[in-house]
Structures are given as structure tokens and as C-alpha cells.
């Protein structure tokens, strides 16, 4: 079942078309990466999913129910972490989650049990200090705990790892990956390595339209045989090969990259090296990366 379905939505700000005929769906219990350059329309789309912004055309469904601007009925299925979450700095994490749980109508015993579970999950279980003393990473982790408090069917995170150091990014990504058995995670980002690390499905937004969409495997298979990299023992060996083969881009004194190559090309190259007794340290087929696909799309 698809927990989220976006169908032919359009959004204009004056004469500026921000979202143009956008459609995609998000299956349950996956980590879905919503990627694109800054200004591609990711946050605008998320606001429409949350009913905070009216689309000019099209429909959005969460858990099978239609999203209506200005109403929050479908938001009972959603947990939301904005890119810069705000908190009451004078509270402790447990006090903040208690307040959030009471606002959503949860019972106090349930709030306490769920809060402790989530604070342990996010690495804040033993933290007693007030939120005003938290680092950016700690605030992001508390934001995820708050968004998961009432067991949402869909967790939406807007740029959750932006402005975090490598350790903070890893912590957030590990948390998002660990909760997909409990909920579905949709997160927007322009950090492609984060997407490749934890996402099952992706949608690439470019210029307000959907440029790519599918599972990570499907998307990678759209671009076969990205290239081959050869590392030689010496620059002389590399130059000899280039003279014979007539192609290649130097990636260092002894490294050569050959683009748009497939298995047949690999066999030809290996034969040429063998026939001319040119030794190599390494010959590697470079698998397509999400960055390769992303750059192809945005540079079209």
C-alpha cells in the first residue's frame, strides 16, 4: 500500500511556476529520499502534503485520505520535522515531549512510556539539561523524537542533516533507518551520499518537475556502464596505453578514466593490456552513482 500519493499537483507563486504536474507515490515502510537542488520545490511540496499550502491543481492523499488545505485531518497520520525545529529552551527533553503528547491528546502514562522509548532511541535518554544548552544535532534528534511521539504512519523530515557535522549526520541517518519498520520515512535533502546510504526509493525534483523516480536499484540501472578506471605502475605505462587505445582522461599521474564503457569495452581493454604487456595495479569498472545521475539531470 502507498502511504502517500501525490497526483498531478501544480503550484504557482504569481507568474513563477514552482511545481509543475508533479506525481509520485511512497510505499509503506520504506525510506524515501526526496532530492533536488536548493529551490527545486521540495519544501513547497512538503507544505502542500501537510495542508499548509494550497496547490493550484491536482490531489494529495495520505493513508488513502485526501489532503485539504487549512484542515489537519490527514496530519494525524504524519509526524513532521522542519529543517530548523524550534523548542522551549527552558524545558528538559522529557518535559517538552510531555507537553507535545498532551497537546495531541495522549494519556500521561502512554506519553511517559513512549517518551522514554524515543529518548533512548535518539540517544537522549540520560540527558537532563535544558534544551537551550543543546547542540544542533541534539535538537534534530529531539525533533525526531517529538515527530514520532504519537506513532505516525508517515514521518516527514525537511533537510534533517543540513548544517550537521559528520558525526551528527550519521546519528540522524541511523535513527531514520532504524524506524522504517514502525513508520514510513520521507526526507528531503540535497546531500546525495545520505540518500545512497539509507534510501530504498527516491524522487529527483528538478525545475518543479519529476526528473527521476523509483527504487535505488531501478534508478542506478538507468545508467549502465558509467566507466572504467585504470591505475598503472607508471606514467610511462599509462601513456603507452593511451597511445594504443586513443582514449581516456587522466585522473592523476598514473590513473586513467574511460567514460561510457560497458562489459565489451572491458574485455577489449584487458586484451590490449595483455597483448602489449602493460602492467596495471588496478582495473575497476565504475558503477553509476546517484551523483552522476543528478548531474546529468541538472545539466541537461
C-alpha atoms as a PDB file:
ATOM      1  CA  UNK A   1       0.000   0.000   0.000  1.00  0.00           C
ATOM      2  CA  UNK A   2       1.119   3.552  -0.732  1.00  0.00           C
ATOM      3  CA  UNK A   3       1.035   5.722   2.390  1.00  0.00           C
ATOM      4  CA  UNK A   4       1.379   8.883   0.272  1.00  0.00           C
ATOM      5  CA  UNK A   5       0.141   9.623  -3.230  1.00  0.00           C
ATOM      6  CA  UNK A   6       0.814  12.914  -4.982  1.00  0.00           C
ATOM      7  CA  UNK A   7      -1.194  13.248  -8.197  1.00  0.00           C
ATOM      8  CA  UNK A   8      -0.572  15.938 -10.839  1.00  0.00           C
ATOM      9  CA  UNK A   9      -0.102  18.816  -8.418  1.00  0.00           C
ATOM     10  CA  UNK A  10       0.815  22.298  -9.578  1.00  0.00           C
ATOM     11  CA  UNK A  11       1.820  25.369  -7.598  1.00  0.00           C
ATOM     12  CA  UNK A  12       2.445  28.874  -8.884  1.00  0.00           C
ATOM     13  CA  UNK A  13       3.614  31.929  -6.998  1.00  0.00           C
ATOM     14  CA  UNK A  14       2.423  34.738  -9.210  1.00  0.00           C
ATOM     15  CA  UNK A  15       3.836  34.026 -12.659  1.00  0.00           C
ATOM     16  CA  UNK A  16       6.521  31.730 -11.259  1.00  0.00           C
ATOM     17  CA  UNK A  17       5.679  28.019 -11.680  1.00  0.00           C
ATOM     18  CA  UNK A  18       7.324  26.293  -8.707  1.00  0.00           C
ATOM     19  CA  UNK A  19       5.687  22.850  -9.061  1.00  0.00           C
ATOM     20  CA  UNK A  20       4.502  21.606 -12.444  1.00  0.00           C
ATOM     21  CA  UNK A  21       2.321  18.485 -12.833  1.00  0.00           C
ATOM     22  CA  UNK A  22       4.134  16.556 -10.098  1.00  0.00           C
ATOM     23  CA  UNK A  23       3.120  12.934  -9.387  1.00  0.00           C
ATOM     24  CA  UNK A  24       4.747  10.262  -7.230  1.00  0.00           C
ATOM     25  CA  UNK A  25       3.808   7.740  -4.554  1.00  0.00           C
ATOM     26  CA  UNK A  26       5.531   6.491  -1.415  1.00  0.00           C
ATOM     27  CA  UNK A  27       5.082   2.833  -0.364  1.00  0.00           C
ATOM     28  CA  UNK A  28       4.764   1.887   3.286  1.00  0.00           C
ATOM     29  CA  UNK A  29       7.777   1.043   5.448  1.00  0.00           C
ATOM     30  CA  UNK A  30      10.488   2.479   3.262  1.00  0.00           C
ATOM     31  CA  UNK A  31      12.938   5.362   3.470  1.00  0.00           C
ATOM     32  CA  UNK A  32      12.064   7.683   0.586  1.00  0.00           C
ATOM     33  CA  UNK A  33      14.594  10.287  -0.475  1.00  0.00           C
ATOM     34  CA  UNK A  34      13.137  13.464  -1.964  1.00  0.00           C
ATOM     35  CA  UNK A  35      16.103  15.125  -3.613  1.00  0.00           C
ATOM     36  CA  UNK A  36      16.859  18.175  -5.676  1.00  0.00           C
ATOM     37  CA  UNK A  37      18.822  21.397  -5.761  1.00  0.00           C
ATOM     38  CA  UNK A  38      18.021  24.205  -3.370  1.00  0.00           C
ATOM     39  CA  UNK A  39      14.927  25.917  -4.761  1.00  0.00           C
ATOM     40  CA  UNK A  40      13.746  22.823  -6.659  1.00  0.00           C
ATOM     41  CA  UNK A  41      10.406  22.852  -4.822  1.00  0.00           C
ATOM     42  CA  UNK A  42      10.954  20.203  -2.151  1.00  0.00           C
ATOM     43  CA  UNK A  43       9.793  22.274   0.837  1.00  0.00           C
ATOM     44  CA  UNK A  44       6.854  23.685  -1.147  1.00  0.00           C
ATOM     45  CA  UNK A  45       5.719  20.129  -1.923  1.00  0.00           C
ATOM     46  CA  UNK A  46       6.025  19.094   1.722  1.00  0.00           C
ATOM     47  CA  UNK A  47       3.920  22.062   2.836  1.00  0.00           C
ATOM     48  CA  UNK A  48       1.206  21.010   0.412  1.00  0.00           C
ATOM     49  CA  UNK A  49       1.344  17.435   1.745  1.00  0.00           C
ATOM     50  CA  UNK A  50       0.858  18.858   5.256  1.00  0.00           C
ATOM     51  CA  UNK A  51      -2.078  21.019   4.129  1.00  0.00           C
ATOM     52  CA  UNK A  52      -0.177  24.191   4.993  1.00  0.00           C
ATOM     53  CA  UNK A  53      -0.135  25.423   1.404  1.00  0.00           C
ATOM     54  CA  UNK A  54      -2.848  25.170  -1.224  1.00  0.00           C
ATOM     55  CA  UNK A  55      -1.942  23.532  -4.533  1.00  0.00           C
ATOM     56  CA  UNK A  56      -3.350  25.167  -7.668  1.00  0.00           C
ATOM     57  CA  UNK A  57      -4.205  21.831  -9.238  1.00  0.00           C
ATOM     58  CA  UNK A  58      -4.006  18.111  -8.501  1.00  0.00           C
ATOM     59  CA  UNK A  59      -4.666  15.962  -5.430  1.00  0.00           C
ATOM     60  CA  UNK A  60      -2.706  14.570  -2.499  1.00  0.00           C
ATOM     61  CA  UNK A  61      -3.679  11.514  -0.439  1.00  0.00           C
ATOM     62  CA  UNK A  62      -2.209  10.394   2.892  1.00  0.00           C
ATOM     63  CA  UNK A  63      -3.153   6.892   4.022  1.00  0.00           C
ATOM     64  CA  UNK A  64      -5.923   6.961   1.417  1.00  0.00           C
ATOM     65  CA  UNK A  65      -7.474  10.214   2.660  1.00  0.00           C
ATOM     66  CA  UNK A  66      -7.458  13.398   0.619  1.00  0.00           C
ATOM     67  CA  UNK A  67      -5.410  16.307   1.961  1.00  0.00           C
ATOM     68  CA  UNK A  68      -7.374  19.559   2.222  1.00  0.00           C
ATOM     69  CA  UNK A  69      -5.692  22.921   2.640  1.00  0.00           C
ATOM     70  CA  UNK A  70      -6.375  24.544   6.019  1.00  0.00           C
ATOM     71  CA  UNK A  71      -7.563  21.303   7.620  1.00  0.00           C
ATOM     72  CA  UNK A  72      -5.406  18.926   9.602  1.00  0.00           C
ATOM     73  CA  UNK A  73      -7.404  15.667   9.475  1.00  0.00           C
ATOM     74  CA  UNK A  74      -4.738  13.806   7.492  1.00  0.00           C
ATOM     75  CA  UNK A  75      -1.978  15.183   9.706  1.00  0.00           C
ATOM     76  CA  UNK A  76      -2.971  12.694  12.402  1.00  0.00           C
ATOM     77  CA  UNK A  77      -1.061  10.188  10.284  1.00  0.00           C
ATOM     78  CA  UNK A  78       2.012  12.404   9.950  1.00  0.00           C
ATOM     79  CA  UNK A  79       4.995  13.302  12.101  1.00  0.00           C
ATOM     80  CA  UNK A  80       6.908  16.354  10.877  1.00  0.00           C
ATOM     81  CA  UNK A  81      10.438  17.611  11.471  1.00  0.00           C
ATOM     82  CA  UNK A  82      11.111  21.028   9.866  1.00  0.00           C
ATOM     83  CA  UNK A  83      14.610  21.940   8.724  1.00  0.00           C
ATOM     84  CA  UNK A  84      15.116  24.203  11.767  1.00  0.00           C
ATOM     85  CA  UNK A  85      12.930  22.924  14.636  1.00  0.00           C
ATOM     86  CA  UNK A  86      12.075  25.329  17.446  1.00  0.00           C
ATOM     87  CA  UNK A  87      11.707  24.407  21.108  1.00  0.00           C
ATOM     88  CA  UNK A  88      11.027  25.948  24.501  1.00  0.00           C
ATOM     89  CA  UNK A  89      14.601  26.232  25.718  1.00  0.00           C
ATOM     90  CA  UNK A  90      13.703  26.254  29.423  1.00  0.00           C
ATOM     91  CA  UNK A  91      12.284  22.698  29.237  1.00  0.00           C
ATOM     92  CA  UNK A  92      14.059  19.366  29.528  1.00  0.00           C
ATOM     93  CA  UNK A  93      13.509  16.825  26.718  1.00  0.00           C
ATOM     94  CA  UNK A  94      11.059  14.833  28.851  1.00  0.00           C
ATOM     95  CA  UNK A  95       9.076  17.963  29.748  1.00  0.00           C
ATOM     96  CA  UNK A  96       8.884  19.012  26.118  1.00  0.00           C
ATOM     97  CA  UNK A  97       7.633  15.602  24.964  1.00  0.00           C
ATOM     98  CA  UNK A  98       5.071  15.566  27.792  1.00  0.00           C
ATOM     99  CA  UNK A  99       3.690  18.887  26.576  1.00  0.00           C
ATOM    100  CA  UNK A 100       3.568  17.663  22.959  1.00  0.00           C
ATOM    101  CA  UNK A 101       1.822  14.444  23.972  1.00  0.00           C
ATOM    102  CA  UNK A 102      -0.815  16.322  25.965  1.00  0.00           C
ATOM    103  CA  UNK A 103      -1.492  18.613  23.003  1.00  0.00           C
ATOM    104  CA  UNK A 104      -2.179  15.570  20.807  1.00  0.00           C
ATOM    105  CA  UNK A 105      -4.491  14.026  23.431  1.00  0.00           C
ATOM    106  CA  UNK A 106      -2.280  11.156  24.574  1.00  0.00           C
ATOM    107  CA  UNK A 107      -2.668   9.811  28.097  1.00  0.00           C
ATOM    108  CA  UNK A 108       0.067  10.714  30.594  1.00  0.00           C
ATOM    109  CA  UNK A 109       1.181   7.128  31.235  1.00  0.00           C
ATOM    110  CA  UNK A 110       1.402   6.500  27.494  1.00  0.00           C
ATOM    111  CA  UNK A 111       3.358   9.734  26.993  1.00  0.00           C
ATOM    112  CA  UNK A 112       5.902   8.819  29.676  1.00  0.00           C
ATOM    113  CA  UNK A 113       6.453   5.308  28.288  1.00  0.00           C
ATOM    114  CA  UNK A 114       6.679   6.473  24.694  1.00  0.00           C
ATOM    115  CA  UNK A 115       8.910   9.439  25.598  1.00  0.00           C
ATOM    116  CA  UNK A 116      11.409   7.250  27.396  1.00  0.00           C
ATOM    117  CA  UNK A 117      11.450   4.812  24.477  1.00  0.00           C
ATOM    118  CA  UNK A 118      12.098   7.601  21.972  1.00  0.00           C
ATOM    119  CA  UNK A 119      14.666   9.422  24.084  1.00  0.00           C
ATOM    120  CA  UNK A 120      16.620   6.160  24.334  1.00  0.00           C
ATOM    121  CA  UNK A 121      16.278   5.651  20.569  1.00  0.00           C
ATOM    122  CA  UNK A 122      17.623   9.130  19.851  1.00  0.00           C
ATOM    123  CA  UNK A 123      20.441   8.952  22.388  1.00  0.00           C
ATOM    124  CA  UNK A 124      18.883  11.490  24.769  1.00  0.00           C
ATOM    125  CA  UNK A 125      17.712   9.113  27.485  1.00  0.00           C
ATOM    126  CA  UNK A 126      20.282  10.198  30.044  1.00  0.00           C
ATOM    127  CA  UNK A 127      20.283  13.907  29.125  1.00  0.00           C
ATOM    128  CA  UNK A 128      18.938  16.072  31.950  1.00  0.00           C
ATOM    129  CA  UNK A 129      19.962  19.555  30.867  1.00  0.00           C
ATOM    130  CA  UNK A 130      17.609  22.161  29.420  1.00  0.00           C
ATOM    131  CA  UNK A 131      17.055  22.329  25.673  1.00  0.00           C
ATOM    132  CA  UNK A 132      18.672  25.784  25.403  1.00  0.00           C
ATOM    133  CA  UNK A 133      22.012  24.048  26.023  1.00  0.00           C
ATOM    134  CA  UNK A 134      21.557  21.541  23.201  1.00  0.00           C
ATOM    135  CA  UNK A 135      23.739  21.362  20.104  1.00  0.00           C
ATOM    136  CA  UNK A 136      22.157  21.468  16.631  1.00  0.00           C
ATOM    137  CA  UNK A 137      22.435  17.685  16.366  1.00  0.00           C
ATOM    138  CA  UNK A 138      20.767  17.131  19.746  1.00  0.00           C
ATOM    139  CA  UNK A 139      17.896  19.397  18.717  1.00  0.00           C
ATOM    140  CA  UNK A 140      17.436  17.442  15.488  1.00  0.00           C
ATOM    141  CA  UNK A 141      17.318  14.188  17.455  1.00  0.00           C
ATOM    142  CA  UNK A 142      14.777  15.648  19.878  1.00  0.00           C
ATOM    143  CA  UNK A 143      12.762  16.836  16.883  1.00  0.00           C
ATOM    144  CA  UNK A 144      12.639  13.296  15.531  1.00  0.00           C
ATOM    145  CA  UNK A 145      11.520  12.005  18.952  1.00  0.00           C
ATOM    146  CA  UNK A 146       8.720  14.590  19.009  1.00  0.00           C
ATOM    147  CA  UNK A 147       7.663  13.728  15.441  1.00  0.00           C
ATOM    148  CA  UNK A 148       7.448  10.014  16.319  1.00  0.00           C
ATOM    149  CA  UNK A 149       5.647  10.510  19.625  1.00  0.00           C
ATOM    150  CA  UNK A 150       2.127   9.526  18.530  1.00  0.00           C
ATOM    151  CA  UNK A 151       3.305   6.695  16.259  1.00  0.00           C
ATOM    152  CA  UNK A 152       2.658   8.358  12.866  1.00  0.00           C
ATOM    153  CA  UNK A 153       2.236   6.336   9.693  1.00  0.00           C
ATOM    154  CA  UNK A 154       4.435   8.816   7.821  1.00  0.00           C
ATOM    155  CA  UNK A 155       7.459  10.735   9.101  1.00  0.00           C
ATOM    156  CA  UNK A 156       8.367  13.798   7.017  1.00  0.00           C
ATOM    157  CA  UNK A 157      11.774  15.391   7.593  1.00  0.00           C
ATOM    158  CA  UNK A 158      12.857  18.533   5.745  1.00  0.00           C
ATOM    159  CA  UNK A 159      16.659  18.632   5.321  1.00  0.00           C
ATOM    160  CA  UNK A 160      17.280  16.756   8.619  1.00  0.00           C
ATOM    161  CA  UNK A 161      21.062  16.555   8.200  1.00  0.00           C
ATOM    162  CA  UNK A 162      21.759  20.046   6.892  1.00  0.00           C
ATOM    163  CA  UNK A 163      24.390  22.009   8.838  1.00  0.00           C
ATOM    164  CA  UNK A 164      25.362  18.946  10.898  1.00  0.00           C
ATOM    165  CA  UNK A 165      28.897  17.645  11.260  1.00  0.00           C
ATOM    166  CA  UNK A 166      29.689  14.098  10.014  1.00  0.00           C
ATOM    167  CA  UNK A 167      29.011  12.529  13.423  1.00  0.00           C
ATOM    168  CA  UNK A 168      25.678  14.340  13.764  1.00  0.00           C
ATOM    169  CA  UNK A 169      24.657  13.349  10.236  1.00  0.00           C
ATOM    170  CA  UNK A 170      25.453   9.696  10.908  1.00  0.00           C
ATOM    171  CA  UNK A 171      23.389   9.745  14.107  1.00  0.00           C
ATOM    172  CA  UNK A 172      20.334  11.193  12.344  1.00  0.00           C
ATOM    173  CA  UNK A 173      20.608   8.805   9.388  1.00  0.00           C
ATOM    174  CA  UNK A 174      20.948   5.793  11.699  1.00  0.00           C
ATOM    175  CA  UNK A 175      17.779   6.842  13.531  1.00  0.00           C
ATOM    176  CA  UNK A 176      15.794   7.340  10.325  1.00  0.00           C
ATOM    177  CA  UNK A 177      16.898   3.968   9.008  1.00  0.00           C
ATOM    178  CA  UNK A 178      16.022   2.217  12.282  1.00  0.00           C
ATOM    179  CA  UNK A 179      12.393   3.404  12.403  1.00  0.00           C
ATOM    180  CA  UNK A 180      11.218   2.302   8.945  1.00  0.00           C
ATOM    181  CA  UNK A 181       9.711  -0.907  10.375  1.00  0.00           C
ATOM    182  CA  UNK A 182       7.484   1.296  12.518  1.00  0.00           C
ATOM    183  CA  UNK A 183       6.715   4.073  10.047  1.00  0.00           C
ATOM    184  CA  UNK A 184       7.488   5.356   6.547  1.00  0.00           C
ATOM    185  CA  UNK A 185      10.194   8.000   6.254  1.00  0.00           C
ATOM    186  CA  UNK A 186      10.131  10.747   3.635  1.00  0.00           C
ATOM    187  CA  UNK A 187      13.055  13.126   3.862  1.00  0.00           C
ATOM    188  CA  UNK A 188      14.225  15.901   1.592  1.00  0.00           C
ATOM    189  CA  UNK A 189      17.885  16.631   1.039  1.00  0.00           C
ATOM    190  CA  UNK A 190      20.496  17.709  -1.467  1.00  0.00           C
ATOM    191  CA  UNK A 191      23.204  15.587   0.223  1.00  0.00           C
ATOM    192  CA  UNK A 192      23.337  12.659  -2.179  1.00  0.00           C
ATOM    193  CA  UNK A 193      25.610  10.468  -0.060  1.00  0.00           C
ATOM    194  CA  UNK A 194      22.930  10.459   2.660  1.00  0.00           C
ATOM    195  CA  UNK A 195      20.363   9.230   0.146  1.00  0.00           C
ATOM    196  CA  UNK A 196      22.602   6.466  -1.188  1.00  0.00           C
ATOM    197  CA  UNK A 197      23.290   5.288   2.334  1.00  0.00           C
ATOM    198  CA  UNK A 198      19.762   4.723   3.666  1.00  0.00           C
ATOM    199  CA  UNK A 199      17.087   5.202   0.972  1.00  0.00           C
ATOM    200  CA  UNK A 200      15.038   2.424  -0.627  1.00  0.00           C
ATOM    201  CA  UNK A 201      13.239   4.755  -3.053  1.00  0.00           C
ATOM    202  CA  UNK A 202      13.999   8.211  -4.424  1.00  0.00           C
ATOM    203  CA  UNK A 203      12.352  11.008  -6.366  1.00  0.00           C
ATOM    204  CA  UNK A 204      14.508  13.666  -8.022  1.00  0.00           C
ATOM    205  CA  UNK A 205      12.826  17.037  -8.396  1.00  0.00           C
ATOM    206  CA  UNK A 206      14.274  19.456 -10.935  1.00  0.00           C
ATOM    207  CA  UNK A 207      12.703  22.707 -12.019  1.00  0.00           C
ATOM    208  CA  UNK A 208       9.433  21.801 -10.326  1.00  0.00           C
ATOM    209  CA  UNK A 209       9.025  18.548 -12.262  1.00  0.00           C
ATOM    210  CA  UNK A 210       9.867  14.926 -11.533  1.00  0.00           C
ATOM    211  CA  UNK A 211      13.097  14.014 -13.324  1.00  0.00           C
ATOM    212  CA  UNK A 212      13.686  10.538 -11.837  1.00  0.00           C
ATOM    213  CA  UNK A 213      11.681   8.237  -9.568  1.00  0.00           C
ATOM    214  CA  UNK A 214      11.991   4.615  -8.464  1.00  0.00           C
ATOM    215  CA  UNK A 215      13.886   2.263  -6.212  1.00  0.00           C
ATOM    216  CA  UNK A 216      17.603   2.889  -5.808  1.00  0.00           C
ATOM    217  CA  UNK A 217      18.326  -0.179  -7.939  1.00  0.00           C
ATOM    218  CA  UNK A 218      15.958   0.950 -10.697  1.00  0.00           C
ATOM    219  CA  UNK A 219      17.467   4.421 -10.770  1.00  0.00           C
ATOM    220  CA  UNK A 220      21.039   3.122 -10.904  1.00  0.00           C
ATOM    221  CA  UNK A 221      20.114   0.752 -13.725  1.00  0.00           C
ATOM    222  CA  UNK A 222      19.005   3.716 -15.816  1.00  0.00           C
ATOM    223  CA  UNK A 223      22.669   4.384 -16.469  1.00  0.00           C
ATOM    224  CA  UNK A 224      24.727   1.287 -17.181  1.00  0.00           C
ATOM    225  CA  UNK A 225      28.471   1.175 -17.649  1.00  0.00           C
ATOM    226  CA  UNK A 226      29.462   4.561 -16.292  1.00  0.00           C
ATOM    227  CA  UNK A 227      33.142   3.939 -16.992  1.00  0.00           C
ATOM    228  CA  UNK A 228      36.387   2.224 -16.216  1.00  0.00           C
ATOM    229  CA  UNK A 229      39.324   3.393 -14.115  1.00  0.00           C
ATOM    230  CA  UNK A 230      42.824   2.003 -14.644  1.00  0.00           C
ATOM    231  CA  UNK A 231      45.729   2.586 -12.275  1.00  0.00           C
ATOM    232  CA  UNK A 232      49.125   1.927 -13.857  1.00  0.00           C
ATOM    233  CA  UNK A 233      52.512   1.299 -12.278  1.00  0.00           C
ATOM    234  CA  UNK A 234      53.997   4.337 -14.006  1.00  0.00           C
ATOM    235  CA  UNK A 235      53.081   7.352 -16.108  1.00  0.00           C
ATOM    236  CA  UNK A 236      55.030   5.780 -18.964  1.00  0.00           C
ATOM    237  CA  UNK A 237      52.779   2.707 -18.892  1.00  0.00           C
ATOM    238  CA  UNK A 238      49.709   4.924 -18.904  1.00  0.00           C
ATOM    239  CA  UNK A 239      50.961   6.987 -21.826  1.00  0.00           C
ATOM    240  CA  UNK A 240      51.714   3.830 -23.791  1.00  0.00           C
ATOM    241  CA  UNK A 241      48.157   2.569 -23.258  1.00  0.00           C
ATOM    242  CA  UNK A 242      46.629   5.912 -24.246  1.00  0.00           C
ATOM    243  CA  UNK A 243      48.720   5.931 -27.412  1.00  0.00           C
ATOM    244  CA  UNK A 244      47.443   2.462 -28.320  1.00  0.00           C
ATOM    245  CA  UNK A 245      43.800   2.890 -27.234  1.00  0.00           C
ATOM    246  CA  UNK A 246      43.453   6.536 -28.241  1.00  0.00           C
ATOM    247  CA  UNK A 247      41.027   7.445 -25.449  1.00  0.00           C
ATOM    248  CA  UNK A 248      40.938   8.339 -21.779  1.00  0.00           C
ATOM    249  CA  UNK A 249      41.120  11.185 -19.290  1.00  0.00           C
ATOM    250  CA  UNK A 250      43.986  11.408 -16.827  1.00  0.00           C
ATOM    251  CA  UNK A 251      42.864  11.364 -13.186  1.00  0.00           C
ATOM    252  CA  UNK A 252      46.397  11.664 -11.838  1.00  0.00           C
ATOM    253  CA  UNK A 253      49.903  10.773 -12.911  1.00  0.00           C
ATOM    254  CA  UNK A 254      49.115   7.063 -13.156  1.00  0.00           C
ATOM    255  CA  UNK A 255      45.294   6.918 -13.201  1.00  0.00           C
ATOM    256  CA  UNK A 256      43.139   6.938 -16.308  1.00  0.00           C
ATOM    257  CA  UNK A 257      39.346   7.204 -16.573  1.00  0.00           C
ATOM    258  CA  UNK A 258      37.396   5.930 -19.559  1.00  0.00           C
ATOM    259  CA  UNK A 259      33.768   7.046 -19.708  1.00  0.00           C
ATOM    260  CA  UNK A 260      30.661   5.373 -21.158  1.00  0.00           C
ATOM    261  CA  UNK A 261      32.138   1.894 -21.229  1.00  0.00           C
ATOM    262  CA  UNK A 262      30.428  -1.479 -20.843  1.00  0.00           C
ATOM    263  CA  UNK A 263      31.436  -5.139 -20.425  1.00  0.00           C
ATOM    264  CA  UNK A 264      32.515  -5.468 -24.078  1.00  0.00           C
ATOM    265  CA  UNK A 265      34.820  -2.478 -23.723  1.00  0.00           C
ATOM    266  CA  UNK A 266      36.282  -4.023 -20.565  1.00  0.00           C
ATOM    267  CA  UNK A 267      37.218  -7.206 -22.446  1.00  0.00           C
ATOM    268  CA  UNK A 268      38.802  -5.170 -25.254  1.00  0.00           C
ATOM    269  CA  UNK A 269      40.855  -3.119 -22.786  1.00  0.00           C
ATOM    270  CA  UNK A 270      42.064  -6.194 -20.891  1.00  0.00           C
ATOM    271  CA  UNK A 271      43.101  -7.792 -24.169  1.00  0.00           C
ATOM    272  CA  UNK A 272      45.044  -4.697 -25.236  1.00  0.00           C
ATOM    273  CA  UNK A 273      46.872  -4.552 -21.912  1.00  0.00           C
ATOM    274  CA  UNK A 274      47.772  -8.236 -22.118  1.00  0.00           C
ATOM    275  CA  UNK A 275      48.887  -8.167 -25.755  1.00  0.00           C
ATOM    276  CA  UNK A 276      51.232  -5.257 -25.081  1.00  0.00           C
ATOM    277  CA  UNK A 277      52.453  -6.484 -21.687  1.00  0.00           C
ATOM    278  CA  UNK A 278      51.356  -3.302 -19.920  1.00  0.00           C
ATOM    279  CA  UNK A 279      51.151  -3.995 -16.177  1.00  0.00           C
ATOM    280  CA  UNK A 280      48.428  -2.387 -14.048  1.00  0.00           C
ATOM    281  CA  UNK A 281      47.891  -2.014 -10.334  1.00  0.00           C
ATOM    282  CA  UNK A 282      44.118  -1.878 -10.642  1.00  0.00           C
ATOM    283  CA  UNK A 283      41.413  -2.055 -13.297  1.00  0.00           C
ATOM    284  CA  UNK A 284      37.947  -1.239 -11.992  1.00  0.00           C
ATOM    285  CA  UNK A 285      34.542  -0.783 -13.544  1.00  0.00           C
ATOM    286  CA  UNK A 286      32.969   2.318 -12.016  1.00  0.00           C
ATOM    287  CA  UNK A 287      29.338   1.728 -11.108  1.00  0.00           C
ATOM    288  CA  UNK A 288      26.921   4.601 -11.735  1.00  0.00           C
ATOM    289  CA  UNK A 289      26.400   6.824  -8.713  1.00  0.00           C
ATOM    290  CA  UNK A 290      23.483   8.967  -7.732  1.00  0.00           C
ATOM    291  CA  UNK A 291      25.739  11.989  -8.189  1.00  0.00           C
ATOM    292  CA  UNK A 292      26.346  11.012 -11.828  1.00  0.00           C
ATOM    293  CA  UNK A 293      22.612  10.804 -12.482  1.00  0.00           C
ATOM    294  CA  UNK A 294      21.912  14.005 -10.586  1.00  0.00           C
ATOM    295  CA  UNK A 295      24.484  15.962 -12.566  1.00  0.00           C
ATOM    296  CA  UNK A 296      23.172  14.558 -15.831  1.00  0.00           C
ATOM    297  CA  UNK A 297      19.675  15.773 -14.960  1.00  0.00           C
ATOM    298  CA  UNK A 298      20.563  19.260 -13.733  1.00  0.00           C
ATOM    299  CA  UNK A 299      22.977  19.910 -16.590  1.00  0.00           C
ATOM    300  CA  UNK A 300      20.542  18.965 -19.352  1.00  0.00           C
END
